[in-house]
Structures are given as C-alpha cells and as structure tokens.
Amino acid sequence: MSQSGRVLVIYPDMYITTIGVFEGNHHLYQQTIIHDEDELNHFDQLNDQVVYRKQAIFEQLDLDGMNTSRFISVCGRGGILRPIRGGTYQVNDAMLYDLKTNAYGEHVSNLGAILAYDIAENLNIQAYIVDPPVVDEMQKIAKYTGIPEIKRASIFHSLNHRHAGRIAAKQIGAAYSSLKLISIHIARGITIASHHSGKIIDVTNGVDGEGPFTIDRSGSVPLKGFLNYISEQYSSVQDFDWNQLQQAGGLKAYLHTEDPAIIRSRLLQGDPHTKEIIESQAYQIAKEIGAMSTVLHGEVDGIVFTGKINENDFVIDAIIPRINWIADVMVFPGKNDLEAMNEGVLEILNNPGEVKIYVAEEAN
C-alpha cells in the first residue's frame, strides 16, 4: 500500500494528550495538548474524558491547519488488556469492551484505543494500537514465584523497549530478530527487559512493584519487612493506600523531591545523602541488568538505555561503569512512543496480513 497518506498517533497521559502526524517515516507534526487538571478531575471515571479529549484533539488539529482528510489511519496508545503477543492490533469491539469496562485494570493508557477508534470512525478509516503494555512473550520459567497461586506478569513499557531494540539493531547492523539485547527504560517508571530472537522473554514489572526504585515508586521491597510495616502502621491491609508504593516512594521518599534539576544541583553541591541515594538507585538498576544477562546466558549483543535519559543522566553515569563489561552500551534519549506507533502501523499497511486481532480471551 502507498504511504502517501498520513497516520495520526495519539498518546494520552494523565493531564496531557500528545498527538503526532506522520507521512511514511517522516514526522510532520507533534503537539502536546495540556488539559485543565481541575476540569479533568470533574469526570468520575477516566472513560468519561473521551469526548472532552477528542474535541481537544480536533480543535488542536484545526488550529494548526492539519488536513484530517489526508489521514489513512489512526493509532492510539495501547492500554491494559489481557496478556497478548507483541505487534499491531486492529481496534475492535472486544478490545473496546475490555478497555471501557477496565476488565484488566483502569489506567489512562486505556483511553488511547478508544480515542483512536472514535476519531477513525468519524473519518471512515481504521484504528490500531501497537505493542501495548501487556505484551507477554515471557518464557514460561520466568513466571514462577515460589507461591503457586501467584505468577509473575508482563506489564512494562513494551512499545519503547521494542523500538529501542530495533534502533540498536540498525546501529549494530543486524536484524533485530537475530540479536540478544538488554533494554532499560528510565522515566517515572523503570523497567528492564531481555530480548531474544525478536521477543522480550523476561522483564521487570514496575506496575506490580518489581525492580529498582524510581522517582516515586518503591520497587521491590523485602516481603517480611513490608508485611510488618503494614501491620504496624494500619489496622488492616484494606486501610493501606497502595498509591504510597506508586506515587510516594523512591527518590521522592528519600530526597523529598522528584525534580531532576534539584537533585542534580544537590549532587553538584556535594550533598552526601543525595549522592548515596542516587548511587543506590544506580546499583539496583545495574543489578537487574546483571540478572537479565543471565537470562541470555551471558551472550549479550548490546545494552540499550532509553526513556528520559537527559533528565536522569546522573543515574546513567553511575550505572554504566558497573555494566559495560557485559556488552557495549547504547543510549537513545527520548520516549520514542509516537515513532514506534507509526512504524507499527506502516508495517501492517505494507503487509495487511500481519495485523493482529484481539479476542476477549484465549481460544481453548
């Protein structure tokens, strides 16, 4: 299929919606729509924001003179669905039902496919998602926990991890499907993955609390200590605010700030406490990278950093000396979600048979 038409990509976040327009691989346009926090808080549920955000998107496109009649497809940020294989999925009724009912969890990312579908329907074109955060290609042995009733789940920044792996493959000069890589996504959340033969076979699940502590997430904590903490501080587990692990832990808990500029300033001033906490975070990330190297039997073609690298360069600088003996280190700054979404759409526009169809549950 010709790529002369344009692809609209939509990436909703808590109080913003980022949109981009691509023609082939050419990134024509990008705009971040900042939503009024008080206005969004008036909506009882995230799904109630769809009409408001959709209107804001059309208004922004119109304001910036983007011709919507040239769009050939729309791609939204993937949401919390049932575990699925990686790739590009057509948005369908089964997917919309699971997202609108929060069947597998409520998250702002759930709005991506819904917005893409509504906009695509208005324009009489097709809507897609690419590599949603629930991509599950983990090898079976990676899912055991020691408690039969609990399995490790695959929830991570799959879109950016896969894209970083493909960029690394181009730099190495080999097919992505032929390489063994370790990728590290550093932003508000931190996830670390092992790539083998084009699949991500193990990953730290930051949503469930695995891995290193982040800007405001606690990361893995000793189980007995955590249970003691809850029993001492709260009358029951139900009284514990789980947001403390996701929004009030990590650097924020230790340094009482989540501003990288403030942290960098303290480091430059030689503050010993800040230095120790950053070294501890770097230590934990490096340790997880080492663990992922064992998943690949020590045969690692490259270690790839991606995400908000520029904001967290002081952490990267502390990590690299601990892990550069494993393999060459590559650093690709930026969250390349828009580019990754567009590439996923282009693949199926050129190879329609590759598009995947979401079903509500695994076939027997």
Protein backbone atom coordinates (compact mmCIF):
# COMPACT_ATOMS: atom_id res chain seq x y z
CA MET A 1 0.00 0.00 0.00
CA SER A 2 1.16 3.52 -0.71
CA GLN A 3 2.38 5.52 2.25
CA SER A 4 1.39 8.86 0.68
CA GLY A 5 -1.39 9.22 3.23
CA ARG A 6 -0.84 10.28 6.81
CA VAL A 7 -1.04 8.46 10.14
CA LEU A 8 -2.36 10.23 13.24
CA VAL A 9 -0.94 8.91 16.51
CA ILE A 10 -2.45 9.65 19.92
CA TYR A 11 -0.74 9.21 23.28
CA PRO A 12 -2.95 10.13 26.25
CA ASP A 13 -1.32 10.69 29.64
CA MET A 14 -2.70 11.82 32.98
CA TYR A 15 -3.19 15.52 32.24
CA ILE A 16 -1.95 15.76 28.66
CA THR A 17 -2.61 14.21 25.27
CA THR A 18 0.28 14.13 22.81
CA ILE A 19 -0.57 13.82 19.13
CA GLY A 20 1.64 13.37 16.09
CA VAL A 21 1.21 13.12 12.33
CA PHE A 22 3.49 11.03 10.11
CA GLU A 23 3.73 10.66 6.34
CA GLY A 24 5.62 7.45 5.82
CA ASN A 25 8.56 7.68 8.24
CA HIS A 26 8.57 11.47 8.09
CA HIS A 27 7.44 13.06 11.36
CA LEU A 28 5.42 16.01 10.08
CA TYR A 29 3.81 17.33 13.23
CA GLN A 30 3.64 16.96 17.01
CA GLN A 31 1.67 18.80 19.62
CA THR A 32 1.12 18.28 23.34
CA ILE A 33 -2.34 19.29 24.49
CA ILE A 34 -2.33 20.29 28.14
CA HIS A 35 -5.69 19.63 29.77
CA ASP A 36 -7.02 21.64 32.68
CA GLU A 37 -6.41 19.48 35.76
CA ASP A 38 -9.50 20.73 37.60
CA GLU A 39 -11.69 20.08 34.57
CA LEU A 40 -10.43 16.51 34.19
CA ASN A 41 -10.97 15.89 37.89
CA HIS A 42 -14.66 16.65 37.40
CA PHE A 43 -15.05 13.40 35.47
CA ASP A 44 -16.00 10.48 37.70
CA GLN A 45 -14.13 7.91 35.57
CA LEU A 46 -11.30 8.08 33.08
CA ASN A 47 -13.57 6.86 30.29
CA ASP A 48 -15.78 9.90 30.80
CA GLN A 49 -12.93 12.04 29.44
CA VAL A 50 -13.11 10.62 25.90
CA VAL A 51 -15.46 13.21 24.39
CA TYR A 52 -13.56 16.06 26.07
CA ARG A 53 -10.16 14.84 24.85
CA LYS A 54 -11.43 14.02 21.36
CA GLN A 55 -12.79 17.54 20.97
CA ALA A 56 -9.48 18.98 22.17
CA ILE A 57 -7.61 16.89 19.57
CA PHE A 58 -9.80 18.04 16.68
CA GLU A 59 -9.59 21.65 17.84
CA GLN A 60 -5.79 21.47 18.01
CA LEU A 61 -5.51 19.88 14.56
CA ASP A 62 -7.81 22.53 13.13
CA LEU A 63 -5.92 25.34 14.87
CA ASP A 64 -2.63 24.10 13.44
CA GLY A 65 -4.02 23.65 9.95
CA MET A 66 -3.70 19.87 9.71
CA ASN A 67 -5.86 18.42 6.92
CA THR A 68 -7.65 15.45 8.53
CA SER A 69 -8.91 14.23 5.13
CA ARG A 70 -5.36 13.05 4.38
CA PHE A 71 -5.28 10.64 7.33
CA ILE A 72 -5.32 6.98 6.29
CA SER A 73 -5.30 5.52 9.81
CA VAL A 74 -5.20 6.42 13.50
CA CYS A 75 -3.07 4.73 16.14
CA GLY A 76 -3.70 5.06 19.87
CA ARG A 77 -1.57 4.24 22.88
CA GLY A 78 -2.19 0.65 23.94
CA GLY A 79 -3.93 0.07 27.26
CA ILE A 80 -4.33 -2.55 29.98
CA LEU A 81 -5.76 -5.56 28.18
CA ARG A 82 -5.37 -9.28 28.69
CA PRO A 83 -1.82 -10.56 28.06
CA ILE A 84 -1.14 -10.67 24.30
CA ARG A 85 1.73 -11.09 21.86
CA GLY A 86 3.55 -8.07 20.53
CA GLY A 87 2.59 -6.43 17.25
CA THR A 88 -0.01 -4.15 15.69
CA TYR A 89 -3.65 -4.78 16.60
CA GLN A 90 -6.79 -3.53 14.92
CA VAL A 91 -9.09 -1.85 17.43
CA ASN A 92 -12.28 -3.91 17.61
CA ASP A 93 -15.35 -4.36 19.80
CA ALA A 94 -13.71 -6.94 22.08
CA MET A 95 -10.81 -4.58 22.79
CA LEU A 96 -13.08 -1.59 23.36
CA TYR A 97 -15.26 -3.58 25.76
CA ASP A 98 -12.29 -4.65 27.90
CA LEU A 99 -10.91 -1.10 27.97
CA LYS A 100 -14.21 0.63 28.70
CA THR A 101 -15.06 -1.80 31.50
CA ASN A 102 -11.50 -1.73 32.89
CA ALA A 103 -11.61 -5.52 32.75
CA TYR A 104 -7.87 -5.81 33.45
CA GLY A 105 -7.28 -2.53 35.23
CA GLU A 106 -8.00 1.18 34.98
CA HIS A 107 -5.23 3.33 33.53
CA VAL A 108 -5.07 6.49 31.43
CA SER A 109 -3.48 4.42 28.63
CA ASN A 110 -6.88 2.73 28.18
CA LEU A 111 -8.09 5.93 26.53
CA GLY A 112 -5.68 5.52 23.59
CA ALA A 113 -7.55 2.87 21.64
CA ILE A 114 -10.94 4.39 22.49
CA LEU A 115 -9.91 7.83 21.22
CA ALA A 116 -8.28 6.34 18.11
CA TYR A 117 -11.42 4.34 17.30
CA ASP A 118 -13.81 7.28 17.78
CA ILE A 119 -11.67 9.58 15.63
CA ALA A 120 -11.10 6.92 12.97
CA GLU A 121 -14.83 6.22 12.82
CA ASN A 122 -15.51 9.92 12.22
CA LEU A 123 -13.01 9.85 9.34
CA ASN A 124 -14.10 6.43 7.98
CA ILE A 125 -10.62 4.92 8.42
CA GLN A 126 -9.12 2.18 10.62
CA ALA A 127 -7.75 2.42 14.16
CA TYR A 128 -4.86 0.45 15.66
CA ILE A 129 -2.69 0.02 18.73
CA VAL A 130 0.92 -1.18 18.77
CA ASP A 131 2.74 -3.20 21.46
CA PRO A 132 0.50 -2.32 24.44
CA PRO A 133 1.99 -2.52 27.96
CA VAL A 134 0.57 -6.02 28.49
CA VAL A 135 2.66 -7.65 25.74
CA ASP A 136 3.54 -11.07 27.14
CA GLU A 137 6.33 -13.01 25.45
CA MET A 138 7.92 -14.15 28.71
CA GLN A 139 9.34 -17.64 28.77
CA LYS A 140 7.37 -19.99 30.98
CA ILE A 141 10.09 -20.48 33.59
CA ALA A 142 10.22 -16.72 34.20
CA LYS A 143 6.67 -16.68 35.58
CA TYR A 144 7.21 -18.82 38.67
CA THR A 145 7.35 -17.01 42.02
CA GLY A 146 7.64 -19.69 44.69
CA ILE A 147 3.92 -19.36 45.51
CA PRO A 148 1.87 -21.48 43.08
CA GLU A 149 -1.14 -19.16 43.33
CA ILE A 150 0.93 -16.13 42.23
CA LYS A 151 2.60 -15.77 38.84
CA ARG A 152 4.84 -13.00 37.53
CA ALA A 153 3.04 -10.87 34.97
CA SER A 154 4.41 -8.99 31.97
CA ILE A 155 3.44 -5.29 32.26
CA PHE A 156 6.05 -2.80 31.08
CA HIS A 157 6.98 -0.08 28.56
CA SER A 158 6.82 -2.60 25.72
CA LEU A 159 6.37 -0.01 22.96
CA ASN A 160 9.55 1.87 23.79
CA HIS A 161 11.57 -1.25 24.67
CA ARG A 162 10.84 -2.85 21.30
CA HIS A 163 11.55 0.37 19.42
CA ALA A 164 14.85 0.81 21.26
CA GLY A 165 15.77 -2.76 20.35
CA ARG A 166 15.13 -2.07 16.68
CA ILE A 167 17.19 1.14 16.77
CA ALA A 168 20.02 -0.81 18.41
CA ALA A 169 19.80 -3.45 15.69
CA LYS A 170 20.21 -0.79 13.00
CA GLN A 171 23.25 0.61 14.84
CA ILE A 172 24.78 -2.85 15.20
CA GLY A 173 23.96 -3.66 11.58
CA ALA A 174 21.98 -6.82 12.21
CA ALA A 175 18.37 -7.94 12.17
CA TYR A 176 16.53 -7.30 15.46
CA SER A 177 15.29 -10.89 15.36
CA SER A 178 18.88 -12.18 15.40
CA LEU A 179 20.08 -10.28 18.48
CA LYS A 180 20.19 -10.77 22.24
CA LEU A 181 19.75 -7.42 23.95
CA ILE A 182 19.05 -5.92 27.35
CA SER A 183 16.97 -2.73 27.32
CA ILE A 184 16.36 -0.28 30.16
CA HIS A 185 13.54 2.25 30.06
CA ILE A 186 14.05 5.05 32.57
CA ALA A 187 11.30 7.58 33.22
CA ARG A 188 8.81 7.85 36.07
CA GLY A 189 8.77 4.10 35.94
CA ILE A 190 11.83 1.92 35.29
CA THR A 191 11.61 -1.42 33.51
CA ILE A 192 14.42 -3.71 32.34
CA ALA A 193 13.99 -6.38 29.66
CA SER A 194 15.76 -9.24 27.89
CA HIS A 195 15.29 -9.52 24.11
CA HIS A 196 15.93 -12.83 22.37
CA SER A 197 15.23 -13.57 18.70
CA GLY A 198 12.74 -10.72 18.34
CA LYS A 199 10.84 -11.45 21.55
CA ILE A 200 11.03 -9.93 25.02
CA ILE A 201 11.38 -13.08 27.09
CA ASP A 202 11.71 -11.54 30.57
CA VAL A 203 11.06 -8.13 32.09
CA THR A 204 10.73 -6.40 35.44
CA ASN A 205 7.10 -5.47 36.09
CA GLY A 206 7.20 -1.96 37.52
CA VAL A 207 3.42 -1.78 37.96
CA ASP A 208 3.46 -4.74 40.35
CA GLY A 209 6.47 -3.35 42.21
CA GLU A 210 9.33 -5.33 40.70
CA GLY A 211 12.76 -3.93 40.01
CA PRO A 212 14.65 -0.85 41.25
CA PHE A 213 13.05 2.11 42.98
CA THR A 214 12.23 5.01 40.69
CA ILE A 215 11.36 8.69 41.01
CA ASP A 216 8.30 7.93 43.13
CA ARG A 217 7.90 4.13 43.14
CA SER A 218 9.28 1.85 45.79
CA GLY A 219 10.39 -1.02 43.56
CA SER A 220 10.97 -4.43 45.11
CA VAL A 221 10.88 -4.45 48.91
CA PRO A 222 11.58 -7.27 51.41
CA LEU A 223 8.30 -9.12 51.86
CA LYS A 224 8.54 -9.67 55.63
CA GLY A 225 9.53 -6.07 56.24
CA PHE A 226 6.64 -4.83 54.10
CA LEU A 227 4.10 -7.00 55.92
CA ASN A 228 5.44 -5.82 59.27
CA TYR A 229 5.22 -2.20 58.10
CA ILE A 230 1.54 -2.62 57.16
CA SER A 231 0.65 -4.40 60.41
CA GLU A 232 2.37 -1.72 62.50
CA GLN A 233 1.01 1.30 60.62
CA TYR A 234 -2.52 0.18 59.71
CA SER A 235 -5.33 -1.73 61.34
CA SER A 236 -5.91 -3.78 58.17
CA VAL A 237 -4.49 -4.26 54.69
CA GLN A 238 -7.61 -2.56 53.28
CA ASP A 239 -6.60 0.67 55.05
CA PHE A 240 -3.24 0.82 53.30
CA ASP A 241 -3.07 3.32 50.46
CA TRP A 242 -1.37 1.42 47.63
CA ASN A 243 -0.58 4.72 45.94
CA GLN A 244 2.20 5.09 48.51
CA LEU A 245 4.14 2.45 46.58
CA GLN A 246 3.47 4.06 43.20
CA GLN A 247 3.46 7.79 43.98
CA ALA A 248 5.24 8.44 47.26
CA GLY A 249 8.21 6.05 47.31
CA GLY A 250 11.62 6.00 45.66
CA LEU A 251 13.66 9.18 45.28
CA LYS A 252 10.66 11.24 46.39
CA ALA A 253 10.56 9.45 49.74
CA TYR A 254 14.31 9.70 50.35
CA LEU A 255 15.05 13.15 48.91
CA HIS A 256 11.63 14.82 49.32
CA THR A 257 11.70 15.94 45.71
CA GLU A 258 11.13 14.41 42.28
CA ASP A 259 12.66 17.30 40.34
CA PRO A 260 15.79 16.15 38.45
CA ALA A 261 17.11 19.74 38.38
CA ILE A 262 17.03 19.93 42.19
CA ILE A 263 18.67 16.51 42.51
CA ARG A 264 21.40 17.48 40.03
CA SER A 265 22.02 20.73 41.94
CA ARG A 266 22.42 18.84 45.21
CA LEU A 267 24.86 16.43 43.58
CA LEU A 268 26.92 19.31 42.21
CA GLN A 269 26.97 20.81 45.70
CA GLY A 270 28.34 17.51 47.03
CA ASP A 271 25.40 16.60 49.23
CA PRO A 272 26.39 13.19 50.64
CA HIS A 273 22.85 11.92 51.27
CA THR A 274 21.73 12.67 47.70
CA LYS A 275 24.89 11.05 46.32
CA GLU A 276 24.29 7.89 48.34
CA ILE A 277 20.64 7.58 47.26
CA ILE A 278 21.48 8.05 43.57
CA GLU A 279 24.31 5.53 43.84
CA SER A 280 21.87 3.12 45.49
CA GLN A 281 19.37 3.53 42.66
CA ALA A 282 22.11 3.02 40.07
CA TYR A 283 23.28 -0.05 41.99
CA GLN A 284 19.79 -1.58 41.90
CA ILE A 285 19.37 -0.90 38.18
CA ALA A 286 22.80 -2.37 37.42
CA LYS A 287 21.99 -5.45 39.49
CA GLU A 288 18.80 -6.03 37.47
CA ILE A 289 20.79 -5.65 34.24
CA GLY A 290 23.18 -8.30 35.52
CA ALA A 291 20.22 -10.56 36.28
CA MET A 292 18.86 -10.08 32.76
CA SER A 293 22.25 -11.04 31.33
CA THR A 294 21.86 -14.46 32.98
CA VAL A 295 18.53 -14.86 31.18
CA LEU A 296 20.56 -14.62 27.96
CA HIS A 297 23.29 -16.98 29.29
CA GLY A 298 25.73 -14.07 29.25
CA GLU A 299 25.52 -13.77 25.45
CA VAL A 300 24.53 -10.12 25.14
CA ASP A 301 24.92 -8.18 21.89
CA GLY A 302 24.16 -4.82 23.45
CA ILE A 303 22.73 -2.94 26.44
CA VAL A 304 20.26 -0.23 25.42
CA PHE A 305 19.09 2.72 27.52
CA THR A 306 16.01 4.68 26.50
CA GLY A 307 13.42 6.99 28.03
CA LYS A 308 14.04 10.28 29.81
CA ILE A 309 17.79 9.83 29.73
CA ASN A 310 18.69 13.51 29.61
CA GLU A 311 16.77 14.19 32.82
CA ASN A 312 18.39 11.25 34.57
CA ASP A 313 21.93 11.40 33.17
CA PHE A 314 23.40 11.41 36.68
CA VAL A 315 21.86 7.96 37.22
CA ILE A 316 23.07 6.64 33.85
CA ASP A 317 26.60 7.87 34.56
CA ALA A 318 26.58 5.87 37.80
CA ILE A 319 25.23 2.71 36.12
CA ILE A 320 27.47 2.37 33.08
CA PRO A 321 30.78 1.64 34.92
CA ARG A 322 29.06 -1.29 36.65
CA ILE A 323 27.73 -2.96 33.49
CA ASN A 324 29.90 -2.04 30.49
CA TRP A 325 31.89 -5.27 30.91
CA ILE A 326 28.78 -7.22 29.89
CA ALA A 327 28.37 -5.69 26.43
CA ASP A 328 28.54 -2.43 24.51
CA VAL A 329 26.23 0.24 25.92
CA MET A 330 23.98 2.31 23.65
CA VAL A 331 21.99 5.32 24.84
CA PHE A 332 18.96 6.54 22.87
CA PRO A 333 17.41 9.51 24.69
CA GLY A 334 13.71 10.25 24.46
CA LYS A 335 10.44 8.45 24.69
CA ASN A 336 10.01 7.34 21.09
CA ASP A 337 6.44 6.13 21.53
CA LEU A 338 5.00 8.15 18.64
CA GLU A 339 7.62 6.92 16.20
CA ALA A 340 7.15 3.34 17.40
CA MET A 341 3.39 3.53 16.95
CA ASN A 342 3.76 4.91 13.44
CA GLU A 343 6.27 2.19 12.48
CA GLY A 344 3.86 -0.46 13.71
CA VAL A 345 1.08 0.95 11.55
CA LEU A 346 3.34 1.26 8.50
CA GLU A 347 4.27 -2.42 8.84
CA ILE A 348 0.69 -3.59 8.51
CA LEU A 349 -0.21 -1.00 5.84
CA ASN A 350 2.54 -2.58 3.74
CA ASN A 351 1.73 -6.13 4.93
CA PRO A 352 -2.01 -6.25 5.76
CA GLY A 353 -1.80 -9.92 6.63
CA GLU A 354 0.38 -9.10 9.63
CA VAL A 355 -2.32 -7.19 11.54
CA LYS A 356 -3.38 -8.95 14.73
CA ILE A 357 -6.93 -9.32 16.01
CA TYR A 358 -7.69 -9.01 19.72
CA VAL A 359 -10.06 -11.57 21.24
CA ALA A 360 -11.62 -11.34 24.66
CA GLU A 361 -9.96 -14.48 25.95
CA GLU A 362 -7.53 -17.12 24.76
CA ALA A 363 -9.00 -19.74 22.46
CA ASN A 364 -9.24 -23.18 24.02
